[in-house]
Protein backbone atom coordinates (compact mmCIF):
# COMPACT_ATOMS: atom_id res chain seq x y z
CA MET A 1 131.33 52.77 -65.81
CA PRO A 2 127.87 52.54 -64.13
CA GLN A 3 127.75 51.36 -60.48
CA GLU A 4 126.52 47.79 -59.93
CA GLN A 5 123.82 47.45 -57.27
CA ARG A 6 121.96 44.54 -55.77
CA HIS A 7 118.37 44.21 -56.92
CA THR A 8 115.68 41.81 -55.75
CA LEU A 9 113.07 40.71 -58.28
CA ALA A 10 109.85 38.87 -57.40
CA VAL A 11 108.74 36.90 -60.45
CA LEU A 12 105.48 35.00 -60.76
CA VAL A 13 105.52 32.22 -63.33
CA GLU A 14 103.22 29.46 -64.47
CA ASN A 15 103.88 26.34 -62.52
CA ARG A 16 105.05 24.20 -65.47
CA PRO A 17 108.03 21.96 -66.19
CA GLY A 18 111.02 23.74 -67.76
CA VAL A 19 110.13 27.29 -66.74
CA LEU A 20 113.08 27.60 -64.32
CA THR A 21 115.41 26.22 -66.98
CA ARG A 22 114.24 28.85 -69.47
CA ILE A 23 114.77 31.64 -66.99
CA ALA A 24 118.24 30.42 -65.94
CA GLY A 25 119.09 29.97 -69.61
CA MET A 26 118.10 33.54 -70.39
CA PHE A 27 120.45 34.79 -67.65
CA ALA A 28 123.29 32.57 -68.91
CA ARG A 29 122.86 33.60 -72.57
CA ARG A 30 122.90 37.28 -71.70
CA GLY A 31 125.81 36.97 -69.27
CA TYR A 32 123.84 38.17 -66.27
CA ASN A 33 124.95 36.94 -62.88
CA ILE A 34 122.38 35.59 -60.40
CA HIS A 35 123.52 36.16 -56.79
CA SER A 36 120.59 34.26 -55.33
CA LEU A 37 117.61 32.31 -56.61
CA ALA A 38 114.78 30.88 -54.53
CA VAL A 39 111.76 29.15 -56.03
CA GLY A 40 108.62 27.94 -54.35
CA PRO A 41 104.89 27.46 -54.62
CA THR A 42 102.32 30.20 -53.99
CA ASP A 43 98.78 29.92 -52.62
CA ASP A 44 97.74 29.19 -56.25
CA PRO A 45 98.76 25.66 -57.41
CA PHE A 46 99.16 26.97 -61.00
CA VAL A 47 101.66 29.70 -60.04
CA SER A 48 105.20 29.60 -58.60
CA ARG A 49 107.22 32.49 -57.26
CA LEU A 50 110.89 33.12 -57.91
CA THR A 51 112.93 35.56 -55.87
CA ILE A 52 115.96 36.52 -57.89
CA VAL A 53 118.76 38.67 -56.56
CA VAL A 54 120.95 40.13 -59.26
CA GLY A 55 123.88 42.54 -59.29
CA SER A 56 123.45 45.03 -62.09
CA ASP A 57 123.39 48.69 -63.00
CA ALA A 58 120.10 50.40 -63.86
CA VAL A 59 120.38 49.88 -67.63
CA GLN A 60 121.21 46.18 -67.24
CA LEU A 61 118.35 45.73 -64.75
CA GLU A 62 115.95 47.24 -67.27
CA GLN A 63 117.24 44.75 -69.88
CA ILE A 64 116.82 41.83 -67.43
CA ILE A 65 113.24 42.78 -66.76
CA LYS A 66 112.45 43.21 -70.49
CA GLN A 67 114.01 39.83 -71.29
CA LEU A 68 112.11 38.11 -68.47
CA ASN A 69 108.84 39.68 -69.66
CA LYS A 70 109.40 38.15 -73.13
CA LEU A 71 109.41 34.64 -71.70
CA VAL A 72 106.03 32.95 -72.31
CA HIS A 73 105.36 31.54 -68.84
CA VAL A 74 106.36 34.70 -66.87
CA LEU A 75 103.21 36.29 -65.46
CA LYS A 76 104.50 39.26 -63.46
CA ILE A 77 107.76 40.86 -62.32
CA LEU A 78 108.18 43.30 -59.47
CA GLU A 79 111.43 44.87 -58.22
CA LEU A 80 111.30 44.90 -54.43
CA ASP A 81 112.67 48.03 -52.76
CA PRO A 82 114.79 46.96 -49.77
CA ALA A 83 113.34 49.79 -47.68
CA GLU A 84 109.79 48.60 -48.42
CA SER A 85 110.23 44.85 -48.16
CA VAL A 86 111.27 42.13 -45.78
CA GLU A 87 114.12 39.86 -46.86
CA ARG A 88 115.21 36.62 -45.19
CA GLU A 89 117.49 33.68 -45.77
CA LEU A 90 117.77 30.32 -44.04
CA GLN A 91 121.12 28.90 -43.04
CA LEU A 92 122.21 25.53 -41.67
CA VAL A 93 125.71 25.29 -40.29
CA LYS A 94 127.41 22.27 -38.79
CA VAL A 95 130.04 23.26 -36.22
CA THR A 96 132.64 21.25 -34.32
CA ALA A 97 131.41 21.32 -30.75
CA PRO A 98 132.97 18.76 -28.42
CA PRO A 99 131.53 18.75 -24.89
CA ASP A 100 134.19 21.18 -23.51
CA VAL A 101 133.09 24.05 -25.85
CA ARG A 102 129.48 23.10 -26.54
CA SER A 103 128.05 25.51 -23.95
CA GLU A 104 129.87 28.42 -25.62
CA VAL A 105 128.36 27.46 -28.96
CA ILE A 106 124.90 27.19 -27.40
CA GLU A 107 125.21 30.67 -25.90
CA LEU A 108 126.17 32.08 -29.27
CA VAL A 109 123.21 30.36 -30.92
CA ASP A 110 120.90 31.89 -28.30
CA VAL A 111 122.27 35.40 -28.87
CA PHE A 112 121.41 35.11 -32.56
CA ARG A 113 117.97 33.63 -31.86
CA ALA A 114 118.99 30.57 -33.86
CA LYS A 115 118.33 27.01 -32.78
CA ILE A 116 120.21 23.76 -32.63
CA VAL A 117 118.51 21.17 -34.80
CA ASP A 118 120.96 18.27 -34.46
CA VAL A 119 123.53 17.24 -31.88
CA ASP A 120 126.31 14.65 -32.26
CA HIS A 121 129.20 13.73 -29.99
CA GLU A 122 131.55 16.19 -31.70
CA SER A 123 129.28 18.62 -33.54
CA VAL A 124 126.05 20.58 -33.56
CA THR A 125 123.95 21.71 -36.48
CA ILE A 126 122.46 25.18 -36.19
CA GLU A 127 119.48 26.63 -38.05
CA ALA A 128 119.36 30.40 -38.37
CA ALA A 129 117.06 32.68 -40.34
CA GLY A 130 117.33 36.37 -40.95
CA ALA A 131 119.01 39.04 -43.00
CA ALA A 132 122.17 38.11 -44.86
CA GLU A 133 124.27 40.34 -42.59
CA LYS A 134 123.05 38.51 -39.48
CA LEU A 135 123.87 35.14 -40.99
CA GLU A 136 127.31 36.27 -42.03
CA ALA A 137 128.00 37.61 -38.51
CA LEU A 138 126.96 34.28 -36.99
CA VAL A 139 129.30 32.41 -39.32
CA ALA A 140 132.18 34.71 -38.48
CA LEU A 141 131.74 34.02 -34.76
CA LEU A 142 131.36 30.27 -35.35
CA GLU A 143 134.50 29.94 -37.53
CA PRO A 144 136.97 29.64 -34.61
CA TYR A 145 135.11 26.50 -33.48
CA GLY A 146 135.46 24.89 -36.91
CA ILE A 147 132.73 24.91 -39.51
CA ARG A 148 132.27 21.46 -40.97
CA GLU A 149 129.51 22.29 -43.41
CA LEU A 150 127.38 25.25 -44.33
CA VAL A 151 124.41 25.76 -46.61
CA ARG A 152 122.23 28.85 -47.22
CA SER A 153 118.95 29.20 -49.05
CA GLY A 154 118.45 31.97 -51.48
CA THR A 155 116.87 35.23 -50.44
CA ILE A 156 113.12 35.32 -50.09
CA SER A 157 111.30 38.61 -49.89
CA LEU A 158 107.85 40.17 -49.55
CA SER A 159 106.66 43.74 -49.75
CA ARG A 160 105.79 45.39 -46.44
CA GLY A 161 102.23 46.24 -45.60
CA THR A 162 99.19 45.36 -47.76
CA ARG A 163 100.94 45.72 -51.12
CA SER A 164 101.20 42.39 -52.99
CA ILE A 165 102.66 41.20 -56.29
CA THR A 166 99.28 39.78 -57.18
CA ASP A 167 97.49 43.18 -56.87
CA GLY A 168 95.86 43.95 -60.22
CA SER A 169 97.73 41.22 -62.07
CA ARG A 170 96.68 39.07 -64.96
CA LEU A 171 96.75 36.03 -62.73
CA ARG A 172 92.94 35.95 -62.54
CA SER A 173 92.79 35.31 -66.28
CA LEU A 174 95.26 32.40 -65.89
CA ARG A 175 93.04 30.79 -63.25
CA ALA A 176 89.94 31.33 -65.33
CA GLY A 177 91.51 29.87 -68.50
């Protein structure tokens, strides 16, 4: 059986209602699993960018890309090579931190270059951004204090250097039409 790997896809789509539903529906109909999905605007108000992380073998990845390309409002798809891109996630974690252990939690937050964004009598909320491994390590060290709540964004990613998903794309014709 082929080995499943993690793949990050950058997908540019027309900024229209229902596009995300169509893409998610395609994944569901085909039985593909999405590990992470982040959607946001681009510098062009008519275009949105999805960063989709999937676990698949090479054959399945090729099928995913072909199926995405068939969707009407998909403009461009690019697989991002982890060695040639920068990936980040955002994490908010609320930790039990009564006054007697709060200084320990603050030191840990400083080591991870995170920041405290809310303080209560018995808890602190920490914001951390970085690679998934960094965020997982922070959570592991915070667990003994008692995690009350945790949320993570999906992965976002950009190619390193001057390379861009919009290089030579058909986006110019979308803007003109």
